[in-house]
């Protein structure tokens, strides 16, 4: 998964619907929630 500073996202096909990527630009932090 990838996420831009504009919050555009991309996921691998086999994780779509299960994983969610997010970020905080001010903190330069990214998370990957995996369900």
ModelCIF file with pLDDT and N, C-alpha, C, O atoms, coordinates in Angstrom:
data_MODEL
#
_entry.id   MODEL 
#
_entity.id                         1 
_entity.type                       polymer 
_entity.pdbx_number_of_molecules   1 
#
_entity_poly.entity_id                      1 
_entity_poly.type                           'polypeptide(L)' 
_entity_poly.nstd_linkage                   no 
_entity_poly.nstd_monomer                   no 
_entity_poly.pdbx_seq_one_letter_code       
;(UNK)(UNK)(UNK)(UNK)(UNK)(UNK)(UNK)(UNK)(UNK)(UNK)(UNK)(UNK)(UNK)(UNK)(UNK)(UNK)
(UNK)(UNK)(UNK)(UNK)(UNK)(UNK)(UNK)(UNK)(UNK)(UNK)(UNK)(UNK)(UNK)(UNK)(UNK)(UNK)
(UNK)(UNK)(UNK)
;
_entity_poly.pdbx_seq_one_letter_code_can   XXXXXXXXXXXXXXXXXXXXXXXXXXXXXXXXXXX 
_entity_poly.pdbx_strand_id                 A 
#
loop_
_entity_poly_seq.entity_id 
_entity_poly_seq.num 
_entity_poly_seq.mon_id 
_entity_poly_seq.hetero 
1 1  UNK n 
1 2  UNK n 
1 3  UNK n 
1 4  UNK n 
1 5  UNK n 
1 6  UNK n 
1 7  UNK n 
1 8  UNK n 
1 9  UNK n 
1 10 UNK n 
1 11 UNK n 
1 12 UNK n 
1 13 UNK n 
1 14 UNK n 
1 15 UNK n 
1 16 UNK n 
1 17 UNK n 
1 18 UNK n 
1 19 UNK n 
1 20 UNK n 
1 21 UNK n 
1 22 UNK n 
1 23 UNK n 
1 24 UNK n 
1 25 UNK n 
1 26 UNK n 
1 27 UNK n 
1 28 UNK n 
1 29 UNK n 
1 30 UNK n 
1 31 UNK n 
1 32 UNK n 
1 33 UNK n 
1 34 UNK n 
1 35 UNK n 
#
_struct_asym.id          A 
_struct_asym.entity_id   1 
#
loop_
_ma_qa_metric.id 
_ma_qa_metric.mode 
_ma_qa_metric.name 
_ma_qa_metric.software_group_id 
_ma_qa_metric.type 
1 global pLDDT . pLDDT 
2 local  pLDDT . pLDDT 
#
_ma_qa_metric_global.metric_id      1 
_ma_qa_metric_global.metric_value   95.23 
_ma_qa_metric_global.model_id       1 
_ma_qa_metric_global.ordinal_id     1 
#
loop_
_ma_qa_metric_local.label_asym_id 
_ma_qa_metric_local.label_comp_id 
_ma_qa_metric_local.label_seq_id 
_ma_qa_metric_local.metric_id 
_ma_qa_metric_local.metric_value 
_ma_qa_metric_local.model_id 
_ma_qa_metric_local.ordinal_id 
A UNK 1  2 98.00 1 1  
A UNK 2  2 97.00 1 2  
A UNK 3  2 97.00 1 3  
A UNK 4  2 95.00 1 4  
A UNK 5  2 90.00 1 5  
A UNK 6  2 88.00 1 6  
A UNK 7  2 85.00 1 7  
A UNK 8  2 95.00 1 8  
A UNK 9  2 97.00 1 9  
A UNK 10 2 97.00 1 10 
A UNK 11 2 98.00 1 11 
A UNK 12 2 98.00 1 12 
A UNK 13 2 97.00 1 13 
A UNK 14 2 96.00 1 14 
A UNK 15 2 98.00 1 15 
A UNK 16 2 97.00 1 16 
A UNK 17 2 98.00 1 17 
A UNK 18 2 98.00 1 18 
A UNK 19 2 98.00 1 19 
A UNK 20 2 98.00 1 20 
A UNK 21 2 98.00 1 21 
A UNK 22 2 97.00 1 22 
A UNK 23 2 95.00 1 23 
A UNK 24 2 92.00 1 24 
A UNK 25 2 88.00 1 25 
A UNK 26 2 88.00 1 26 
A UNK 27 2 89.00 1 27 
A UNK 28 2 91.00 1 28 
A UNK 29 2 94.00 1 29 
A UNK 30 2 96.00 1 30 
A UNK 31 2 98.00 1 31 
A UNK 32 2 98.00 1 32 
A UNK 33 2 98.00 1 33 
A UNK 34 2 98.00 1 34 
A UNK 35 2 98.00 1 35 
#
loop_
_atom_site.group_PDB 
_atom_site.id 
_atom_site.type_symbol 
_atom_site.label_atom_id 
_atom_site.label_alt_id 
_atom_site.label_comp_id 
_atom_site.label_asym_id 
_atom_site.label_entity_id 
_atom_site.label_seq_id 
_atom_site.pdbx_PDB_ins_code 
_atom_site.Cartn_x 
_atom_site.Cartn_y 
_atom_site.Cartn_z 
_atom_site.occupancy 
_atom_site.B_iso_or_equiv 
_atom_site.pdbx_formal_charge 
_atom_site.auth_seq_id 
_atom_site.auth_comp_id 
_atom_site.auth_asym_id 
_atom_site.auth_atom_id 
_atom_site.pdbx_PDB_model_num 
ATOM 1   N N  . UNK A 1 1  ? 0.844   -1.190 0.000  1.00 98.00 ? 1  UNK A N  1 
ATOM 2   C CA . UNK A 1 1  ? 0.000   0.000  0.000  1.00 98.00 ? 1  UNK A CA 1 
ATOM 3   C C  . UNK A 1 1  ? 0.875   1.234  0.000  1.00 98.00 ? 1  UNK A C  1 
ATOM 4   O O  . UNK A 1 1  ? 1.991   1.224  0.519  1.00 98.00 ? 1  UNK A O  1 
ATOM 5   N N  . UNK A 1 2  ? 0.355   2.294  -0.588 1.00 97.00 ? 2  UNK A N  1 
ATOM 6   C CA . UNK A 1 2  ? 1.054   3.563  -0.590 1.00 97.00 ? 2  UNK A CA 1 
ATOM 7   C C  . UNK A 1 2  ? 0.043   4.683  -0.448 1.00 97.00 ? 2  UNK A C  1 
ATOM 8   O O  . UNK A 1 2  ? -1.121  4.541  -0.823 1.00 97.00 ? 2  UNK A O  1 
ATOM 9   N N  . UNK A 1 3  ? 0.498   5.791  0.094  1.00 97.00 ? 3  UNK A N  1 
ATOM 10  C CA . UNK A 1 3  ? -0.363  6.953  0.270  1.00 97.00 ? 3  UNK A CA 1 
ATOM 11  C C  . UNK A 1 3  ? 0.476   8.200  0.054  1.00 97.00 ? 3  UNK A C  1 
ATOM 12  O O  . UNK A 1 3  ? 1.592   8.305  0.562  1.00 97.00 ? 3  UNK A O  1 
ATOM 13  N N  . UNK A 1 4  ? -0.067  9.142  -0.702 1.00 95.00 ? 4  UNK A N  1 
ATOM 14  C CA . UNK A 1 4  ? 0.637   10.381 -0.986 1.00 95.00 ? 4  UNK A CA 1 
ATOM 15  C C  . UNK A 1 4  ? 0.261   11.451 0.027  1.00 95.00 ? 4  UNK A C  1 
ATOM 16  O O  . UNK A 1 4  ? -0.639  11.268 0.848  1.00 95.00 ? 4  UNK A O  1 
ATOM 17  N N  . UNK A 1 5  ? 0.967   12.568 -0.049 1.00 90.00 ? 5  UNK A N  1 
ATOM 18  C CA . UNK A 1 5  ? 0.656   13.686 0.837  1.00 90.00 ? 5  UNK A CA 1 
ATOM 19  C C  . UNK A 1 5  ? -0.729  14.249 0.562  1.00 90.00 ? 5  UNK A C  1 
ATOM 20  O O  . UNK A 1 5  ? -1.319  14.905 1.420  1.00 90.00 ? 5  UNK A O  1 
ATOM 21  N N  . UNK A 1 6  ? -1.251  13.992 -0.636 1.00 88.00 ? 6  UNK A N  1 
ATOM 22  C CA . UNK A 1 6  ? -2.603  14.382 -0.975 1.00 88.00 ? 6  UNK A CA 1 
ATOM 23  C C  . UNK A 1 6  ? -3.635  13.341 -0.624 1.00 88.00 ? 6  UNK A C  1 
ATOM 24  O O  . UNK A 1 6  ? -4.800  13.476 -0.997 1.00 88.00 ? 6  UNK A O  1 
ATOM 25  N N  . UNK A 1 7  ? -3.236  12.306 0.085  1.00 85.00 ? 7  UNK A N  1 
ATOM 26  C CA . UNK A 1 7  ? -4.087  11.232 0.597  1.00 85.00 ? 7  UNK A CA 1 
ATOM 27  C C  . UNK A 1 7  ? -4.647  10.368 -0.538 1.00 85.00 ? 7  UNK A C  1 
ATOM 28  O O  . UNK A 1 7  ? -5.704  9.755  -0.384 1.00 85.00 ? 7  UNK A O  1 
ATOM 29  N N  . UNK A 1 8  ? -3.957  10.319 -1.657 1.00 95.00 ? 8  UNK A N  1 
ATOM 30  C CA . UNK A 1 8  ? -4.272  9.341  -2.681 1.00 95.00 ? 8  UNK A CA 1 
ATOM 31  C C  . UNK A 1 8  ? -3.656  8.001  -2.286 1.00 95.00 ? 8  UNK A C  1 
ATOM 32  O O  . UNK A 1 8  ? -2.510  7.952  -1.839 1.00 95.00 ? 8  UNK A O  1 
ATOM 33  N N  . UNK A 1 9  ? -4.406  6.923  -2.448 1.00 97.00 ? 9  UNK A N  1 
ATOM 34  C CA . UNK A 1 9  ? -3.950  5.618  -1.980 1.00 97.00 ? 9  UNK A CA 1 
ATOM 35  C C  . UNK A 1 9  ? -3.920  4.587  -3.092 1.00 97.00 ? 9  UNK A C  1 
ATOM 36  O O  . UNK A 1 9  ? -4.612  4.713  -4.103 1.00 97.00 ? 9  UNK A O  1 
ATOM 37  N N  . UNK A 1 10 ? -3.110  3.574  -2.885 1.00 97.00 ? 10 UNK A N  1 
ATOM 38  C CA . UNK A 1 10 ? -3.032  2.430  -3.773 1.00 97.00 ? 10 UNK A CA 1 
ATOM 39  C C  . UNK A 1 10 ? -2.824  1.195  -2.921 1.00 97.00 ? 10 UNK A C  1 
ATOM 40  O O  . UNK A 1 10 ? -2.059  1.216  -1.957 1.00 97.00 ? 10 UNK A O  1 
ATOM 41  N N  . UNK A 1 11 ? -3.509  0.117  -3.281 1.00 98.00 ? 11 UNK A N  1 
ATOM 42  C CA . UNK A 1 11 ? -3.389  -1.144 -2.568 1.00 98.00 ? 11 UNK A CA 1 
ATOM 43  C C  . UNK A 1 11 ? -3.115  -2.278 -3.530 1.00 98.00 ? 11 UNK A C  1 
ATOM 44  O O  . UNK A 1 11 ? -3.583  -2.276 -4.668 1.00 98.00 ? 11 UNK A O  1 
ATOM 45  N N  . UNK A 1 12 ? -2.357  -3.236 -3.063 1.00 98.00 ? 12 UNK A N  1 
ATOM 46  C CA . UNK A 1 12 ? -2.233  -4.481 -3.805 1.00 98.00 ? 12 UNK A CA 1 
ATOM 47  C C  . UNK A 1 12 ? -3.591  -5.158 -3.881 1.00 98.00 ? 12 UNK A C  1 
ATOM 48  O O  . UNK A 1 12 ? -4.403  -5.043 -2.963 1.00 98.00 ? 12 UNK A O  1 
ATOM 49  N N  . UNK A 1 13 ? -3.832  -5.860 -4.972 1.00 97.00 ? 13 UNK A N  1 
ATOM 50  C CA . UNK A 1 13 ? -5.142  -6.456 -5.197 1.00 97.00 ? 13 UNK A CA 1 
ATOM 51  C C  . UNK A 1 13 ? -5.537  -7.427 -4.083 1.00 97.00 ? 13 UNK A C  1 
ATOM 52  O O  . UNK A 1 13 ? -6.706  -7.484 -3.701 1.00 97.00 ? 13 UNK A O  1 
ATOM 53  N N  . UNK A 1 14 ? -4.598  -8.171 -3.573 1.00 96.00 ? 14 UNK A N  1 
ATOM 54  C CA . UNK A 1 14 ? -4.944  -9.185 -2.585 1.00 96.00 ? 14 UNK A CA 1 
ATOM 55  C C  . UNK A 1 14 ? -5.126  -8.644 -1.170 1.00 96.00 ? 14 UNK A C  1 
ATOM 56  O O  . UNK A 1 14 ? -5.409  -9.414 -0.252 1.00 96.00 ? 14 UNK A O  1 
ATOM 57  N N  . UNK A 1 15 ? -4.968  -7.340 -0.977 1.00 98.00 ? 15 UNK A N  1 
ATOM 58  C CA . UNK A 1 15 ? -5.236  -6.762 0.339  1.00 98.00 ? 15 UNK A CA 1 
ATOM 59  C C  . UNK A 1 15 ? -6.378  -5.761 0.318  1.00 98.00 ? 15 UNK A C  1 
ATOM 60  O O  . UNK A 1 15 ? -6.783  -5.267 1.370  1.00 98.00 ? 15 UNK A O  1 
ATOM 61  N N  . UNK A 1 16 ? -6.900  -5.457 -0.848 1.00 97.00 ? 16 UNK A N  1 
ATOM 62  C CA . UNK A 1 16 ? -8.007  -4.512 -0.943 1.00 97.00 ? 16 UNK A CA 1 
ATOM 63  C C  . UNK A 1 16 ? -9.206  -5.002 -0.135 1.00 97.00 ? 16 UNK A C  1 
ATOM 64  O O  . UNK A 1 16 ? -9.583  -6.172 -0.194 1.00 97.00 ? 16 UNK A O  1 
ATOM 65  N N  . UNK A 1 17 ? -9.783  -4.088 0.609  1.00 98.00 ? 17 UNK A N  1 
ATOM 66  C CA . UNK A 1 17 ? -10.917 -4.425 1.453  1.00 98.00 ? 17 UNK A CA 1 
ATOM 67  C C  . UNK A 1 17 ? -10.537 -4.932 2.818  1.00 98.00 ? 17 UNK A C  1 
ATOM 68  O O  . UNK A 1 17 ? -11.384 -4.999 3.708  1.00 98.00 ? 17 UNK A O  1 
ATOM 69  N N  . UNK A 1 18 ? -9.278  -5.294 3.009  1.00 98.00 ? 18 UNK A N  1 
ATOM 70  C CA . UNK A 1 18 ? -8.813  -5.799 4.295  1.00 98.00 ? 18 UNK A CA 1 
ATOM 71  C C  . UNK A 1 18 ? -7.834  -4.850 4.976  1.00 98.00 ? 18 UNK A C  1 
ATOM 72  O O  . UNK A 1 18 ? -7.829  -4.734 6.202  1.00 98.00 ? 18 UNK A O  1 
ATOM 73  N N  . UNK A 1 19 ? -7.009  -4.177 4.188  1.00 98.00 ? 19 UNK A N  1 
ATOM 74  C CA . UNK A 1 19 ? -6.004  -3.267 4.727  1.00 98.00 ? 19 UNK A CA 1 
ATOM 75  C C  . UNK A 1 19 ? -6.408  -1.828 4.446  1.00 98.00 ? 19 UNK A C  1 
ATOM 76  O O  . UNK A 1 19 ? -7.039  -1.535 3.431  1.00 98.00 ? 19 UNK A O  1 
ATOM 77  N N  . UNK A 1 20 ? -6.040  -0.942 5.347  1.00 98.00 ? 20 UNK A N  1 
ATOM 78  C CA . UNK A 1 20 ? -6.277  0.479  5.175  1.00 98.00 ? 20 UNK A CA 1 
ATOM 79  C C  . UNK A 1 20 ? -5.024  1.250  5.558  1.00 98.00 ? 20 UNK A C  1 
ATOM 80  O O  . UNK A 1 20 ? -4.489  1.079  6.653  1.00 98.00 ? 20 UNK A O  1 
ATOM 81  N N  . UNK A 1 21 ? -4.563  2.098  4.653  1.00 98.00 ? 21 UNK A N  1 
ATOM 82  C CA . UNK A 1 21 ? -3.394  2.914  4.925  1.00 98.00 ? 21 UNK A CA 1 
ATOM 83  C C  . UNK A 1 21 ? -3.847  4.342  5.214  1.00 98.00 ? 21 UNK A C  1 
ATOM 84  O O  . UNK A 1 21 ? -4.791  4.840  4.600  1.00 98.00 ? 21 UNK A O  1 
ATOM 85  N N  . UNK A 1 22 ? -3.174  4.985  6.142  1.00 97.00 ? 22 UNK A N  1 
ATOM 86  C CA . UNK A 1 22 ? -3.474  6.363  6.486  1.00 97.00 ? 22 UNK A CA 1 
ATOM 87  C C  . UNK A 1 22 ? -2.194  7.062  6.909  1.00 97.00 ? 22 UNK A C  1 
ATOM 88  O O  . UNK A 1 22 ? -1.188  6.410  7.187  1.00 97.00 ? 22 UNK A O  1 
ATOM 89  N N  . UNK A 1 23 ? -2.229  8.382  6.960  1.00 95.00 ? 23 UNK A N  1 
ATOM 90  C CA . UNK A 1 23 ? -1.036  9.126  7.353  1.00 95.00 ? 23 UNK A CA 1 
ATOM 91  C C  . UNK A 1 23 ? -1.408  10.453 7.986  1.00 95.00 ? 23 UNK A C  1 
ATOM 92  O O  . UNK A 1 23 ? -2.508  10.974 7.801  1.00 95.00 ? 23 UNK A O  1 
ATOM 93  N N  . UNK A 1 24 ? -0.464  10.975 8.730  1.00 92.00 ? 24 UNK A N  1 
ATOM 94  C CA . UNK A 1 24 ? -0.545  12.298 9.306  1.00 92.00 ? 24 UNK A CA 1 
ATOM 95  C C  . UNK A 1 24 ? 0.640   13.070 8.753  1.00 92.00 ? 24 UNK A C  1 
ATOM 96  O O  . UNK A 1 24 ? 1.782   12.829 9.146  1.00 92.00 ? 24 UNK A O  1 
ATOM 97  N N  . UNK A 1 25 ? 0.372   13.994 7.846  1.00 88.00 ? 25 UNK A N  1 
ATOM 98  C CA . UNK A 1 25 ? 1.453   14.725 7.193  1.00 88.00 ? 25 UNK A CA 1 
ATOM 99  C C  . UNK A 1 25 ? 2.268   15.564 8.178  1.00 88.00 ? 25 UNK A C  1 
ATOM 100 O O  . UNK A 1 25 ? 3.486   15.677 8.042  1.00 88.00 ? 25 UNK A O  1 
ATOM 101 N N  . UNK A 1 26 ? 1.603   16.141 9.154  1.00 88.00 ? 26 UNK A N  1 
ATOM 102 C CA . UNK A 1 26 ? 2.294   16.977 10.120 1.00 88.00 ? 26 UNK A CA 1 
ATOM 103 C C  . UNK A 1 26 ? 3.283   16.180 10.959 1.00 88.00 ? 26 UNK A C  1 
ATOM 104 O O  . UNK A 1 26 ? 4.329   16.693 11.356 1.00 88.00 ? 26 UNK A O  1 
ATOM 105 N N  . UNK A 1 27 ? 2.947   14.930 11.224 1.00 89.00 ? 27 UNK A N  1 
ATOM 106 C CA . UNK A 1 27 ? 3.806   14.075 12.040 1.00 89.00 ? 27 UNK A CA 1 
ATOM 107 C C  . UNK A 1 27 ? 4.690   13.153 11.217 1.00 89.00 ? 27 UNK A C  1 
ATOM 108 O O  . UNK A 1 27 ? 5.502   12.413 11.773 1.00 89.00 ? 27 UNK A O  1 
ATOM 109 N N  . UNK A 1 28 ? 4.541   13.189 9.887  1.00 91.00 ? 28 UNK A N  1 
ATOM 110 C CA . UNK A 1 28 ? 5.279   12.284 9.004  1.00 91.00 ? 28 UNK A CA 1 
ATOM 111 C C  . UNK A 1 28 ? 5.150   10.838 9.468  1.00 91.00 ? 28 UNK A C  1 
ATOM 112 O O  . UNK A 1 28 ? 6.132   10.103 9.567  1.00 91.00 ? 28 UNK A O  1 
ATOM 113 N N  . UNK A 1 29 ? 3.932   10.463 9.743  1.00 94.00 ? 29 UNK A N  1 
ATOM 114 C CA . UNK A 1 29 ? 3.638   9.137  10.245 1.00 94.00 ? 29 UNK A CA 1 
ATOM 115 C C  . UNK A 1 29 ? 2.627   8.448  9.334  1.00 94.00 ? 29 UNK A C  1 
ATOM 116 O O  . UNK A 1 29 ? 1.684   9.072  8.849  1.00 94.00 ? 29 UNK A O  1 
ATOM 117 N N  . UNK A 1 30 ? 2.835   7.172  9.114  1.00 96.00 ? 30 UNK A N  1 
ATOM 118 C CA . UNK A 1 30 ? 1.926   6.372  8.309  1.00 96.00 ? 30 UNK A CA 1 
ATOM 119 C C  . UNK A 1 30 ? 1.545   5.125  9.086  1.00 96.00 ? 30 UNK A C  1 
ATOM 120 O O  . UNK A 1 30 ? 2.365   4.554  9.805  1.00 96.00 ? 30 UNK A O  1 
ATOM 121 N N  . UNK A 1 31 ? 0.301   4.708  8.937  1.00 98.00 ? 31 UNK A N  1 
ATOM 122 C CA . UNK A 1 31 ? -0.207  3.510  9.581  1.00 98.00 ? 31 UNK A CA 1 
ATOM 123 C C  . UNK A 1 31 ? -0.763  2.557  8.537  1.00 98.00 ? 31 UNK A C  1 
ATOM 124 O O  . UNK A 1 31 ? -1.217  2.971  7.471  1.00 98.00 ? 31 UNK A O  1 
ATOM 125 N N  . UNK A 1 32 ? -0.719  1.294  8.861  1.00 98.00 ? 32 UNK A N  1 
ATOM 126 C CA . UNK A 1 32 ? -1.348  0.280  8.044  1.00 98.00 ? 32 UNK A CA 1 
ATOM 127 C C  . UNK A 1 32 ? -2.206  -0.584 8.949  1.00 98.00 ? 32 UNK A C  1 
ATOM 128 O O  . UNK A 1 32 ? -1.693  -1.387 9.728  1.00 98.00 ? 32 UNK A O  1 
ATOM 129 N N  . UNK A 1 33 ? -3.515  -0.414 8.841  1.00 98.00 ? 33 UNK A N  1 
ATOM 130 C CA . UNK A 1 33 ? -4.455  -1.230 9.585  1.00 98.00 ? 33 UNK A CA 1 
ATOM 131 C C  . UNK A 1 33 ? -4.734  -2.488 8.785  1.00 98.00 ? 33 UNK A C  1 
ATOM 132 O O  . UNK A 1 33 ? -5.209  -2.413 7.652  1.00 98.00 ? 33 UNK A O  1 
ATOM 133 N N  . UNK A 1 34 ? -4.445  -3.633 9.363  1.00 98.00 ? 34 UNK A N  1 
ATOM 134 C CA . UNK A 1 34 ? -4.586  -4.906 8.680  1.00 98.00 ? 34 UNK A CA 1 
ATOM 135 C C  . UNK A 1 34 ? -5.641  -5.736 9.393  1.00 98.00 ? 34 UNK A C  1 
ATOM 136 O O  . UNK A 1 34 ? -5.461  -6.129 10.546 1.00 98.00 ? 34 UNK A O  1 
ATOM 137 N N  . UNK A 1 35 ? -6.731  -5.996 8.708  1.00 98.00 ? 35 UNK A N  1 
ATOM 138 C CA . UNK A 1 35 ? -7.823  -6.793 9.244  1.00 98.00 ? 35 UNK A CA 1 
ATOM 139 C C  . UNK A 1 35 ? -7.977  -8.074 8.445  1.00 98.00 ? 35 UNK A C  1 
ATOM 140 O O  . UNK A 1 35 ? -8.851  -8.887 8.744  1.00 98.00 ? 35 UNK A O  1 
#
